[in-house]
Amino acid sequence: MSSEYDVLVLGGSGVDTIVYVPELPLPYADSYMIRPGIETRAGQTGDFVALGLSALGLRTHHLDMIGDDPPGDLLRAFHRDRGIAFTEVPLPGGTKRAVNLVGPDGRRLSLYDDSRSQESDRLPEELVGSLAAVSRHAHVSLTYPCAFALPQLREAGLTISTDLHDWDGENPYHEPFAYGADLVFVSTTALADREKTMHRILERGRAEVVIATAGAEGAYLLSADGLVHVPAVEPREPVVDSNGAGDAFAAGFLFGRLTGEPLDRCALYGSIAGAFACTVPATGTDAIDRTALLREAAALNGLAESGR
């Protein structure tokens, strides 16, 4: 039986307030005059993964808890305007939000409001089950309460991916995600020992592939075939912001994975999508489409084959 959705994205919805700062870290001062200004827009990790997957032509459904509030309205409009199927569950504490400080070089510092979720928050099992039954794959955001849905997704027979973001390799909160997914993304930013952590995920969990993203350094792929380094792709336009680059990489990689490409091609797709995301201002939301991604991949393959 064919599935209605290629990817079910769980969690990761929220609203960010973008503040452009003259430098990071920001020295203490009583006040700063900010240009181009301060703007609030919809979009956090799950929203950006759903956007990236949808732009690449994958049938995508996003499920999360959001509030009945103005930030929630921004998220509803984000999905509606982009044609992304979105099922919302009421979040009593209100929609999740953050403040992103963005430096001139595109680096960012995110300040997350951790007061929105409660221990009692749950995605309804019946709802998760009904969506899982019509989906091929689930991408589970590293947000509460998504960890509770992992066993149900496995029982439904879905393959699962997750992004551990800047895990330090020790925080126990991340472990159900790290050891419960078939495909694990993690940033090298906070890892004291990249290879040790990657091997531990592969050995202790169910992961077939672990992908460690390292910004301009590229990415590292660990599977049963060993560790491989994948160079970064140079963006076509100037880098203005790194926000969403990791989510775009995950979407590009998943596009390759779900269309049957080998790991090196999946990583190339992820690198191209991540590079594109770095050219999008923090106040905007855009993702590379399938035509542009495949055209760029073909061009890069042509350069590699010519030895340039």
C-alpha atoms as a PDB file:
ATOM      1  CA  MET A   1       0.000   0.000   0.000  1.00  0.00           C
ATOM      2  CA  SER A   2       1.396   3.427  -0.927  1.00  0.00           C
ATOM      3  CA  SER A   3       1.705   6.017   1.814  1.00  0.00           C
ATOM      4  CA  GLU A   4      -0.043   9.364   1.821  1.00  0.00           C
ATOM      5  CA  TYR A   5       3.058  11.116   3.184  1.00  0.00           C
ATOM      6  CA  ASP A   6       6.746  10.605   2.567  1.00  0.00           C
ATOM      7  CA  VAL A   7       7.733  12.227   5.846  1.00  0.00           C
ATOM      8  CA  LEU A   8       5.930  12.869   9.111  1.00  0.00           C
ATOM      9  CA  VAL A   9       7.768  15.640  10.992  1.00  0.00           C
ATOM     10  CA  LEU A  10       7.177  15.672  14.736  1.00  0.00           C
ATOM     11  CA  GLY A  11       7.796  18.715  16.893  1.00  0.00           C
ATOM     12  CA  GLY A  12      10.108  21.674  16.471  1.00  0.00           C
ATOM     13  CA  SER A  13       7.517  24.399  15.840  1.00  0.00           C
ATOM     14  CA  GLY A  14       8.146  27.841  17.207  1.00  0.00           C
ATOM     15  CA  VAL A  15       8.585  31.525  16.580  1.00  0.00           C
ATOM     16  CA  ASP A  16      11.875  33.430  16.583  1.00  0.00           C
ATOM     17  CA  THR A  17      12.590  37.081  17.220  1.00  0.00           C
ATOM     18  CA  ILE A  18      15.623  38.057  15.131  1.00  0.00           C
ATOM     19  CA  VAL A  19      18.021  40.681  16.479  1.00  0.00           C
ATOM     20  CA  TYR A  20      20.997  41.762  14.369  1.00  0.00           C
ATOM     21  CA  VAL A  21      23.954  42.627  16.577  1.00  0.00           C
ATOM     22  CA  PRO A  22      27.294  44.280  15.707  1.00  0.00           C
ATOM     23  CA  GLU A  23      29.320  41.316  16.962  1.00  0.00           C
ATOM     24  CA  LEU A  24      29.163  37.981  18.806  1.00  0.00           C
ATOM     25  CA  PRO A  25      29.747  37.602  21.669  1.00  0.00           C
ATOM     26  CA  LEU A  26      28.027  40.891  22.364  1.00  0.00           C
ATOM     27  CA  PRO A  27      29.928  43.056  24.885  1.00  0.00           C
ATOM     28  CA  TYR A  28      27.889  44.469  27.719  1.00  0.00           C
ATOM     29  CA  ALA A  29      26.419  47.907  27.115  1.00  0.00           C
ATOM     30  CA  ASP A  30      23.413  49.777  28.423  1.00  0.00           C
ATOM     31  CA  SER A  31      21.922  49.891  24.915  1.00  0.00           C
ATOM     32  CA  TYR A  32      22.640  49.284  21.228  1.00  0.00           C
ATOM     33  CA  MET A  33      21.189  50.881  18.111  1.00  0.00           C
ATOM     34  CA  ILE A  34      20.241  47.935  15.868  1.00  0.00           C
ATOM     35  CA  ARG A  35      20.065  47.896  12.080  1.00  0.00           C
ATOM     36  CA  PRO A  36      18.374  46.543  10.016  1.00  0.00           C
ATOM     37  CA  GLY A  37      16.122  46.093  13.031  1.00  0.00           C
ATOM     38  CA  ILE A  38      14.228  43.514  15.068  1.00  0.00           C
ATOM     39  CA  GLU A  39      11.679  41.190  13.496  1.00  0.00           C
ATOM     40  CA  THR A  40       9.597  38.242  14.654  1.00  0.00           C
ATOM     41  CA  ARG A  41       8.894  35.404  12.221  1.00  0.00           C
ATOM     42  CA  ALA A  42       7.611  31.844  12.321  1.00  0.00           C
ATOM     43  CA  GLY A  43      10.034  28.978  11.983  1.00  0.00           C
ATOM     44  CA  GLN A  44      12.172  26.758  14.192  1.00  0.00           C
ATOM     45  CA  THR A  45      13.820  23.408  13.530  1.00  0.00           C
ATOM     46  CA  GLY A  46      10.749  21.297  12.734  1.00  0.00           C
ATOM     47  CA  ASP A  47       9.209  24.051  10.635  1.00  0.00           C
ATOM     48  CA  PHE A  48      12.403  24.439   8.598  1.00  0.00           C
ATOM     49  CA  VAL A  49      12.808  20.687   8.054  1.00  0.00           C
ATOM     50  CA  ALA A  50       9.182  20.477   6.905  1.00  0.00           C
ATOM     51  CA  LEU A  51       9.735  23.475   4.620  1.00  0.00           C
ATOM     52  CA  GLY A  52      12.887  21.976   3.124  1.00  0.00           C
ATOM     53  CA  LEU A  53      11.294  18.581   2.511  1.00  0.00           C
ATOM     54  CA  SER A  54       8.192  20.105   0.961  1.00  0.00           C
ATOM     55  CA  ALA A  55      10.249  22.378  -1.324  1.00  0.00           C
ATOM     56  CA  LEU A  56      12.063  19.273  -2.570  1.00  0.00           C
ATOM     57  CA  GLY A  57       8.782  17.684  -3.552  1.00  0.00           C
ATOM     58  CA  LEU A  58       8.371  15.227  -0.678  1.00  0.00           C
ATOM     59  CA  ARG A  59       4.848  14.828   0.680  1.00  0.00           C
ATOM     60  CA  THR A  60       5.224  16.194   4.184  1.00  0.00           C
ATOM     61  CA  HIS A  61       2.995  16.414   7.252  1.00  0.00           C
ATOM     62  CA  HIS A  62       4.004  18.328  10.368  1.00  0.00           C
ATOM     63  CA  LEU A  63       2.602  17.515  13.813  1.00  0.00           C
ATOM     64  CA  ASP A  64       3.279  19.561  16.935  1.00  0.00           C
ATOM     65  CA  MET A  65       1.874  21.337  19.969  1.00  0.00           C
ATOM     66  CA  ILE A  66       1.359  25.102  19.654  1.00  0.00           C
ATOM     67  CA  GLY A  67      -0.579  27.729  21.535  1.00  0.00           C
ATOM     68  CA  ASP A  68      -3.797  29.583  20.796  1.00  0.00           C
ATOM     69  CA  ASP A  69      -1.930  32.863  20.631  1.00  0.00           C
ATOM     70  CA  PRO A  70      -0.457  35.351  18.109  1.00  0.00           C
ATOM     71  CA  PRO A  71       2.809  33.352  17.709  1.00  0.00           C
ATOM     72  CA  GLY A  72       0.658  30.292  16.999  1.00  0.00           C
ATOM     73  CA  ASP A  73      -1.176  32.284  14.324  1.00  0.00           C
ATOM     74  CA  LEU A  74       2.180  32.987  12.660  1.00  0.00           C
ATOM     75  CA  LEU A  75       2.896  29.246  12.562  1.00  0.00           C
ATOM     76  CA  ARG A  76      -0.515  28.414  11.164  1.00  0.00           C
ATOM     77  CA  ALA A  77       0.036  30.966   8.409  1.00  0.00           C
ATOM     78  CA  PHE A  78       3.586  29.670   7.763  1.00  0.00           C
ATOM     79  CA  HIS A  79       2.294  26.187   6.953  1.00  0.00           C
ATOM     80  CA  ARG A  80      -0.868  27.310   5.187  1.00  0.00           C
ATOM     81  CA  ASP A  81       0.911  29.758   2.888  1.00  0.00           C
ATOM     82  CA  ARG A  82       3.502  27.138   1.882  1.00  0.00           C
ATOM     83  CA  GLY A  83       1.036  24.306   1.415  1.00  0.00           C
ATOM     84  CA  ILE A  84       2.528  22.165   4.208  1.00  0.00           C
ATOM     85  CA  ALA A  85       0.015  19.888   5.936  1.00  0.00           C
ATOM     86  CA  PHE A  86       0.001  20.785   9.628  1.00  0.00           C
ATOM     87  CA  THR A  87      -1.811  19.167  12.536  1.00  0.00           C
ATOM     88  CA  GLU A  88      -1.691  21.125  15.758  1.00  0.00           C
ATOM     89  CA  VAL A  89      -2.297  19.957  19.302  1.00  0.00           C
ATOM     90  CA  PRO A  90      -3.076  22.649  21.919  1.00  0.00           C
ATOM     91  CA  LEU A  91      -0.085  23.633  24.052  1.00  0.00           C
ATOM     92  CA  PRO A  92      -1.415  25.128  27.300  1.00  0.00           C
ATOM     93  CA  GLY A  93       1.819  27.005  28.012  1.00  0.00           C
ATOM     94  CA  GLY A  94       1.670  28.840  24.701  1.00  0.00           C
ATOM     95  CA  THR A  95       3.670  28.627  21.494  1.00  0.00           C
ATOM     96  CA  LYS A  96       7.406  28.054  21.870  1.00  0.00           C
ATOM     97  CA  ARG A  97       9.590  31.030  21.071  1.00  0.00           C
ATOM     98  CA  ALA A  98      13.193  32.161  21.025  1.00  0.00           C
ATOM     99  CA  VAL A  99      15.411  35.178  20.435  1.00  0.00           C
ATOM    100  CA  ASN A 100      18.194  34.797  17.859  1.00  0.00           C
ATOM    101  CA  LEU A 101      21.129  37.186  17.995  1.00  0.00           C
ATOM    102  CA  VAL A 102      22.712  37.277  14.517  1.00  0.00           C
ATOM    103  CA  GLY A 103      26.217  38.687  13.941  1.00  0.00           C
ATOM    104  CA  PRO A 104      27.560  40.349  10.769  1.00  0.00           C
ATOM    105  CA  ASP A 105      29.193  37.074   9.661  1.00  0.00           C
ATOM    106  CA  GLY A 106      25.914  35.161   9.879  1.00  0.00           C
ATOM    107  CA  ARG A 107      26.692  33.333  13.130  1.00  0.00           C
ATOM    108  CA  ARG A 108      23.854  33.165  15.605  1.00  0.00           C
ATOM    109  CA  LEU A 109      23.186  32.769  19.316  1.00  0.00           C
ATOM    110  CA  SER A 110      19.746  31.402  20.183  1.00  0.00           C
ATOM    111  CA  LEU A 111      18.019  32.081  23.491  1.00  0.00           C
ATOM    112  CA  TYR A 112      15.148  29.621  23.965  1.00  0.00           C
ATOM    113  CA  ASP A 113      12.201  30.237  26.265  1.00  0.00           C
ATOM    114  CA  ASP A 114      12.116  26.981  28.232  1.00  0.00           C
ATOM    115  CA  SER A 115       8.934  27.813  30.146  1.00  0.00           C
ATOM    116  CA  ARG A 116       6.344  26.749  27.553  1.00  0.00           C
ATOM    117  CA  SER A 117       6.394  22.948  27.931  1.00  0.00           C
ATOM    118  CA  GLN A 118       5.196  20.996  30.946  1.00  0.00           C
ATOM    119  CA  GLU A 119       5.967  17.416  31.989  1.00  0.00           C
ATOM    120  CA  SER A 120       2.366  16.460  31.285  1.00  0.00           C
ATOM    121  CA  ASP A 121       2.476  17.577  27.630  1.00  0.00           C
ATOM    122  CA  ARG A 122       1.931  14.701  25.206  1.00  0.00           C
ATOM    123  CA  LEU A 123       1.159  14.177  21.539  1.00  0.00           C
ATOM    124  CA  PRO A 124      -2.028  12.047  21.539  1.00  0.00           C
ATOM    125  CA  GLU A 125      -1.173   8.411  20.795  1.00  0.00           C
ATOM    126  CA  GLU A 126      -4.208   7.926  18.560  1.00  0.00           C
ATOM    127  CA  LEU A 127      -3.228  10.960  16.458  1.00  0.00           C
ATOM    128  CA  VAL A 128       0.407   9.879  16.181  1.00  0.00           C
ATOM    129  CA  GLY A 129      -0.713   6.382  15.233  1.00  0.00           C
ATOM    130  CA  SER A 130      -3.115   7.550  12.529  1.00  0.00           C
ATOM    131  CA  LEU A 131      -0.474   9.749  10.883  1.00  0.00           C
ATOM    132  CA  ALA A 132       2.249   7.112  11.237  1.00  0.00           C
ATOM    133  CA  ALA A 133      -0.003   4.604   9.482  1.00  0.00           C
ATOM    134  CA  VAL A 134      -0.002   6.732   6.312  1.00  0.00           C
ATOM    135  CA  SER A 135       3.660   7.827   6.359  1.00  0.00           C
ATOM    136  CA  ARG A 136       6.915   6.281   5.110  1.00  0.00           C
ATOM    137  CA  HIS A 137       9.373   8.013   7.427  1.00  0.00           C
ATOM    138  CA  ALA A 138       9.333  10.138  10.590  1.00  0.00           C
ATOM    139  CA  HIS A 139      11.711  12.965  11.423  1.00  0.00           C
ATOM    140  CA  VAL A 140      11.556  13.572  15.170  1.00  0.00           C
ATOM    141  CA  SER A 141      12.639  16.956  16.490  1.00  0.00           C
ATOM    142  CA  LEU A 142      14.660  17.169  19.678  1.00  0.00           C
ATOM    143  CA  THR A 143      11.810  18.865  21.493  1.00  0.00           C
ATOM    144  CA  TYR A 144       9.609  17.822  24.378  1.00  0.00           C
ATOM    145  CA  PRO A 145       7.408  15.705  24.257  1.00  0.00           C
ATOM    146  CA  CYS A 146       8.541  13.984  21.027  1.00  0.00           C
ATOM    147  CA  ALA A 147      10.648  11.362  22.835  1.00  0.00           C
ATOM    148  CA  PHE A 148       7.446   9.723  24.072  1.00  0.00           C
ATOM    149  CA  ALA A 149       6.350   9.101  20.462  1.00  0.00           C
ATOM    150  CA  LEU A 150       9.508   7.220  19.438  1.00  0.00           C
ATOM    151  CA  PRO A 151       8.356   3.708  20.544  1.00  0.00           C
ATOM    152  CA  GLN A 152       5.022   4.150  18.784  1.00  0.00           C
ATOM    153  CA  LEU A 153       6.718   5.204  15.543  1.00  0.00           C
ATOM    154  CA  ARG A 154       8.990   2.161  15.690  1.00  0.00           C
ATOM    155  CA  GLU A 155       6.031  -0.136  16.287  1.00  0.00           C
ATOM    156  CA  ALA A 156       4.339   1.374  13.233  1.00  0.00           C
ATOM    157  CA  GLY A 157       7.311   0.285  11.134  1.00  0.00           C
ATOM    158  CA  LEU A 158       8.524   3.737  10.112  1.00  0.00           C
ATOM    159  CA  THR A 159      12.174   4.559   9.623  1.00  0.00           C
ATOM    160  CA  ILE A 160      13.137   7.414  11.920  1.00  0.00           C
ATOM    161  CA  SER A 161      15.583  10.306  11.752  1.00  0.00           C
ATOM    162  CA  THR A 162      16.461  12.918  14.357  1.00  0.00           C
ATOM    163  CA  ASP A 163      18.795  15.868  14.818  1.00  0.00           C
ATOM    164  CA  LEU A 164      20.682  16.134  18.118  1.00  0.00           C
ATOM    165  CA  HIS A 165      21.896  19.651  17.216  1.00  0.00           C
ATOM    166  CA  ASP A 166      24.730  20.821  19.498  1.00  0.00           C
ATOM    167  CA  TRP A 167      24.728  17.791  21.837  1.00  0.00           C
ATOM    168  CA  ASP A 168      27.791  17.510  24.042  1.00  0.00           C
ATOM    169  CA  GLY A 169      27.669  13.712  23.883  1.00  0.00           C
ATOM    170  CA  GLU A 170      26.826  13.460  27.598  1.00  0.00           C
ATOM    171  CA  ASN A 171      23.452  15.088  28.313  1.00  0.00           C
ATOM    172  CA  PRO A 172      21.048  12.175  28.984  1.00  0.00           C
ATOM    173  CA  TYR A 173      18.055  14.078  27.563  1.00  0.00           C
ATOM    174  CA  HIS A 174      19.342  13.409  24.037  1.00  0.00           C
ATOM    175  CA  GLU A 175      19.920   9.677  24.465  1.00  0.00           C
ATOM    176  CA  PRO A 176      16.404   8.377  23.614  1.00  0.00           C
ATOM    177  CA  PHE A 177      16.669  10.278  20.336  1.00  0.00           C
ATOM    178  CA  ALA A 178      20.290   9.297  19.673  1.00  0.00           C
ATOM    179  CA  TYR A 179      19.689   5.599  20.286  1.00  0.00           C
ATOM    180  CA  GLY A 180      16.131   5.418  18.948  1.00  0.00           C
ATOM    181  CA  ALA A 181      16.589   6.674  15.377  1.00  0.00           C
ATOM    182  CA  ASP A 182      17.804   4.968  12.206  1.00  0.00           C
ATOM    183  CA  LEU A 183      19.435   8.140  10.920  1.00  0.00           C
ATOM    184  CA  VAL A 184      21.067  10.533  13.383  1.00  0.00           C
ATOM    185  CA  PHE A 185      22.267  14.061  12.659  1.00  0.00           C
ATOM    186  CA  VAL A 186      24.456  15.901  15.171  1.00  0.00           C
ATOM    187  CA  SER A 187      26.496  19.091  15.083  1.00  0.00           C
ATOM    188  CA  THR A 188      30.178  18.889  16.025  1.00  0.00           C
ATOM    189  CA  THR A 189      29.950  22.279  17.794  1.00  0.00           C
ATOM    190  CA  ALA A 190      29.885  20.945  21.363  1.00  0.00           C
ATOM    191  CA  LEU A 191      31.338  17.456  20.875  1.00  0.00           C
ATOM    192  CA  ALA A 192      34.573  16.911  22.786  1.00  0.00           C
ATOM    193  CA  ASP A 193      35.285  13.716  20.831  1.00  0.00           C
ATOM    194  CA  ARG A 194      33.433  13.589  17.527  1.00  0.00           C
ATOM    195  CA  GLU A 195      34.374  10.061  16.449  1.00  0.00           C
ATOM    196  CA  LYS A 196      33.867   8.530  19.877  1.00  0.00           C
ATOM    197  CA  THR A 197      30.357   9.960  20.102  1.00  0.00           C
ATOM    198  CA  MET A 198      29.473   8.870  16.576  1.00  0.00           C
ATOM    199  CA  HIS A 199      30.687   5.324  17.222  1.00  0.00           C
ATOM    200  CA  ARG A 200      28.761   5.182  20.494  1.00  0.00           C
ATOM    201  CA  ILE A 201      25.524   6.153  18.734  1.00  0.00           C
ATOM    202  CA  LEU A 202      26.117   3.499  16.081  1.00  0.00           C
ATOM    203  CA  GLU A 203      27.009   0.785  18.608  1.00  0.00           C
ATOM    204  CA  ARG A 204      24.377   1.420  21.288  1.00  0.00           C
ATOM    205  CA  GLY A 205      21.399   2.416  19.193  1.00  0.00           C
ATOM    206  CA  ARG A 206      19.611   1.378  16.040  1.00  0.00           C
ATOM    207  CA  ALA A 207      21.237   3.951  13.756  1.00  0.00           C
ATOM    208  CA  GLU A 208      22.452   2.808  10.350  1.00  0.00           C
ATOM    209  CA  VAL A 209      24.127   6.150   9.663  1.00  0.00           C
ATOM    210  CA  VAL A 210      25.394   8.971  11.895  1.00  0.00           C
ATOM    211  CA  ILE A 211      26.018  12.339  10.247  1.00  0.00           C
ATOM    212  CA  ALA A 212      28.081  14.961  12.082  1.00  0.00           C
ATOM    213  CA  THR A 213      27.828  18.403  10.495  1.00  0.00           C
ATOM    214  CA  ALA A 214      30.755  20.763  10.932  1.00  0.00           C
ATOM    215  CA  GLY A 215      29.793  23.972   9.140  1.00  0.00           C
ATOM    216  CA  ALA A 216      32.393  25.196   6.653  1.00  0.00           C
ATOM    217  CA  GLU A 217      34.443  22.066   7.403  1.00  0.00           C
ATOM    218  CA  GLY A 218      31.741  19.914   5.815  1.00  0.00           C
ATOM    219  CA  ALA A 219      30.277  16.782   7.361  1.00  0.00           C
ATOM    220  CA  TYR A 220      31.327  13.327   8.559  1.00  0.00           C
ATOM    221  CA  LEU A 221      29.360  10.147   7.816  1.00  0.00           C
ATOM    222  CA  LEU A 222      29.745   7.014   9.907  1.00  0.00           C
ATOM    223  CA  SER A 223      28.147   3.734   8.850  1.00  0.00           C
ATOM    224  CA  ALA A 224      29.084   0.049   8.878  1.00  0.00           C
ATOM    225  CA  ASP A 225      31.384   0.866   5.955  1.00  0.00           C
ATOM    226  CA  GLY A 226      33.436   3.281   8.055  1.00  0.00           C
ATOM    227  CA  LEU A 227      33.921   7.031   8.461  1.00  0.00           C
ATOM    228  CA  VAL A 228      33.815   9.351   5.452  1.00  0.00           C
ATOM    229  CA  HIS A 229      34.420  13.095   5.234  1.00  0.00           C
ATOM    230  CA  VAL A 230      32.203  15.139   2.921  1.00  0.00           C
ATOM    231  CA  PRO A 231      33.500  18.619   1.964  1.00  0.00           C
ATOM    232  CA  ALA A 232      31.225  21.621   2.330  1.00  0.00           C
ATOM    233  CA  VAL A 233      29.643  23.208  -0.727  1.00  0.00           C
ATOM    234  CA  GLU A 234      30.476  26.846  -1.420  1.00  0.00           C
ATOM    235  CA  PRO A 235      27.267  28.954  -1.428  1.00  0.00           C
ATOM    236  CA  ARG A 236      26.383  30.628  -4.731  1.00  0.00           C
ATOM    237  CA  GLU A 237      25.491  33.871  -2.939  1.00  0.00           C
ATOM    238  CA  PRO A 238      27.076  35.679   0.053  1.00  0.00           C
ATOM    239  CA  VAL A 239      26.559  34.047   3.446  1.00  0.00           C
ATOM    240  CA  VAL A 240      24.190  36.159   5.519  1.00  0.00           C
ATOM    241  CA  ASP A 241      22.946  33.789   8.227  1.00  0.00           C
ATOM    242  CA  SER A 242      23.563  30.237   9.409  1.00  0.00           C
ATOM    243  CA  ASN A 243      20.091  29.879  10.939  1.00  0.00           C
ATOM    244  CA  GLY A 244      18.342  26.830   9.502  1.00  0.00           C
ATOM    245  CA  ALA A 245      21.411  25.487   7.690  1.00  0.00           C
ATOM    246  CA  GLY A 246      21.451  22.275   9.716  1.00  0.00           C
ATOM    247  CA  ASP A 247      17.726  21.761   9.145  1.00  0.00           C
ATOM    248  CA  ALA A 248      18.213  22.313   5.408  1.00  0.00           C
ATOM    249  CA  PHE A 249      21.092  19.803   5.392  1.00  0.00           C
ATOM    250  CA  ALA A 250      18.847  17.230   7.063  1.00  0.00           C
ATOM    251  CA  ALA A 251      16.058  17.866   4.535  1.00  0.00           C
ATOM    252  CA  GLY A 252      18.443  17.516   1.588  1.00  0.00           C
ATOM    253  CA  PHE A 253      19.973  14.342   3.011  1.00  0.00           C
ATOM    254  CA  LEU A 254      16.536  12.833   3.647  1.00  0.00           C
ATOM    255  CA  PHE A 255      15.466  13.688   0.110  1.00  0.00           C
ATOM    256  CA  GLY A 256      18.388  11.626  -1.172  1.00  0.00           C
ATOM    257  CA  ARG A 257      17.754   8.813   1.274  1.00  0.00           C
ATOM    258  CA  LEU A 258      14.060   8.538   0.469  1.00  0.00           C
ATOM    259  CA  THR A 259      14.671   8.599  -3.277  1.00  0.00           C
ATOM    260  CA  GLY A 260      17.150   5.715  -3.037  1.00  0.00           C
ATOM    261  CA  GLU A 261      20.444   7.552  -3.479  1.00  0.00           C
ATOM    262  CA  PRO A 262      23.755   6.294  -2.012  1.00  0.00           C
ATOM    263  CA  LEU A 263      25.094   7.985   1.100  1.00  0.00           C
ATOM    264  CA  ASP A 264      27.628  10.171  -0.699  1.00  0.00           C
ATOM    265  CA  ARG A 265      24.887  11.600  -2.951  1.00  0.00           C
ATOM    266  CA  CYS A 266      22.616  12.119   0.095  1.00  0.00           C
ATOM    267  CA  ALA A 267      25.401  14.085   1.774  1.00  0.00           C
ATOM    268  CA  LEU A 268      25.947  16.151  -1.370  1.00  0.00           C
ATOM    269  CA  TYR A 269      22.262  17.024  -1.469  1.00  0.00           C
ATOM    270  CA  GLY A 270      22.401  17.984   2.206  1.00  0.00           C
ATOM    271  CA  SER A 271      25.460  20.169   1.667  1.00  0.00           C
ATOM    272  CA  ILE A 272      23.862  21.971  -1.264  1.00  0.00           C
ATOM    273  CA  ALA A 273      20.646  22.620   0.685  1.00  0.00           C
ATOM    274  CA  GLY A 274      22.614  23.787   3.736  1.00  0.00           C
ATOM    275  CA  ALA A 275      24.719  26.152   1.638  1.00  0.00           C
ATOM    276  CA  PHE A 276      21.578  27.653   0.109  1.00  0.00           C
ATOM    277  CA  ALA A 277      20.087  28.203   3.583  1.00  0.00           C
ATOM    278  CA  CYS A 278      23.144  30.262   4.570  1.00  0.00           C
ATOM    279  CA  THR A 279      22.236  32.788   1.854  1.00  0.00           C
ATOM    280  CA  VAL A 280      18.735  33.388   3.267  1.00  0.00           C
ATOM    281  CA  PRO A 281      18.419  36.252   5.801  1.00  0.00           C
ATOM    282  CA  ALA A 282      17.397  35.263   9.323  1.00  0.00           C
ATOM    283  CA  THR A 283      14.206  37.271   8.919  1.00  0.00           C
ATOM    284  CA  GLY A 284      13.225  35.218   5.848  1.00  0.00           C
ATOM    285  CA  THR A 285      12.139  31.633   5.242  1.00  0.00           C
ATOM    286  CA  ASP A 286      13.105  29.980   1.986  1.00  0.00           C
ATOM    287  CA  ALA A 287      14.421  26.601   0.865  1.00  0.00           C
ATOM    288  CA  ILE A 288      16.026  25.230  -2.277  1.00  0.00           C
ATOM    289  CA  ASP A 289      13.659  23.388  -4.622  1.00  0.00           C
ATOM    290  CA  ARG A 290      14.205  20.043  -6.324  1.00  0.00           C
ATOM    291  CA  THR A 291      15.109  21.488  -9.729  1.00  0.00           C
ATOM    292  CA  ALA A 292      17.769  23.824  -8.325  1.00  0.00           C
ATOM    293  CA  LEU A 293      19.203  21.126  -6.052  1.00  0.00           C
ATOM    294  CA  LEU A 294      19.555  18.565  -8.830  1.00  0.00           C
ATOM    295  CA  ARG A 295      21.011  21.172 -11.203  1.00  0.00           C
ATOM    296  CA  GLU A 296      23.628  22.170  -8.616  1.00  0.00           C
ATOM    297  CA  ALA A 297      24.457  18.530  -7.874  1.00  0.00           C
ATOM    298  CA  ALA A 298      24.951  17.826 -11.583  1.00  0.00           C
ATOM    299  CA  ALA A 299      27.214  20.860 -11.935  1.00  0.00           C
ATOM    300  CA  LEU A 300      29.335  19.847  -8.963  1.00  0.00           C
ATOM    301  CA  ASN A 301      29.624  16.276 -10.250  1.00  0.00           C
ATOM    302  CA  GLY A 302      30.759  17.656 -13.605  1.00  0.00           C
ATOM    303  CA  LEU A 303      33.491  19.678 -11.936  1.00  0.00           C
ATOM    304  CA  ALA A 304      34.612  16.647  -9.910  1.00  0.00           C
ATOM    305  CA  GLU A 305      34.762  14.439 -12.989  1.00  0.00           C
ATOM    306  CA  SER A 306      36.814  17.024 -14.879  1.00  0.00           C
ATOM    307  CA  GLY A 307      39.263  17.243 -11.968  1.00  0.00           C
ATOM    308  CA  ARG A 308      38.610  20.934 -11.378  1.00  0.00           C
END
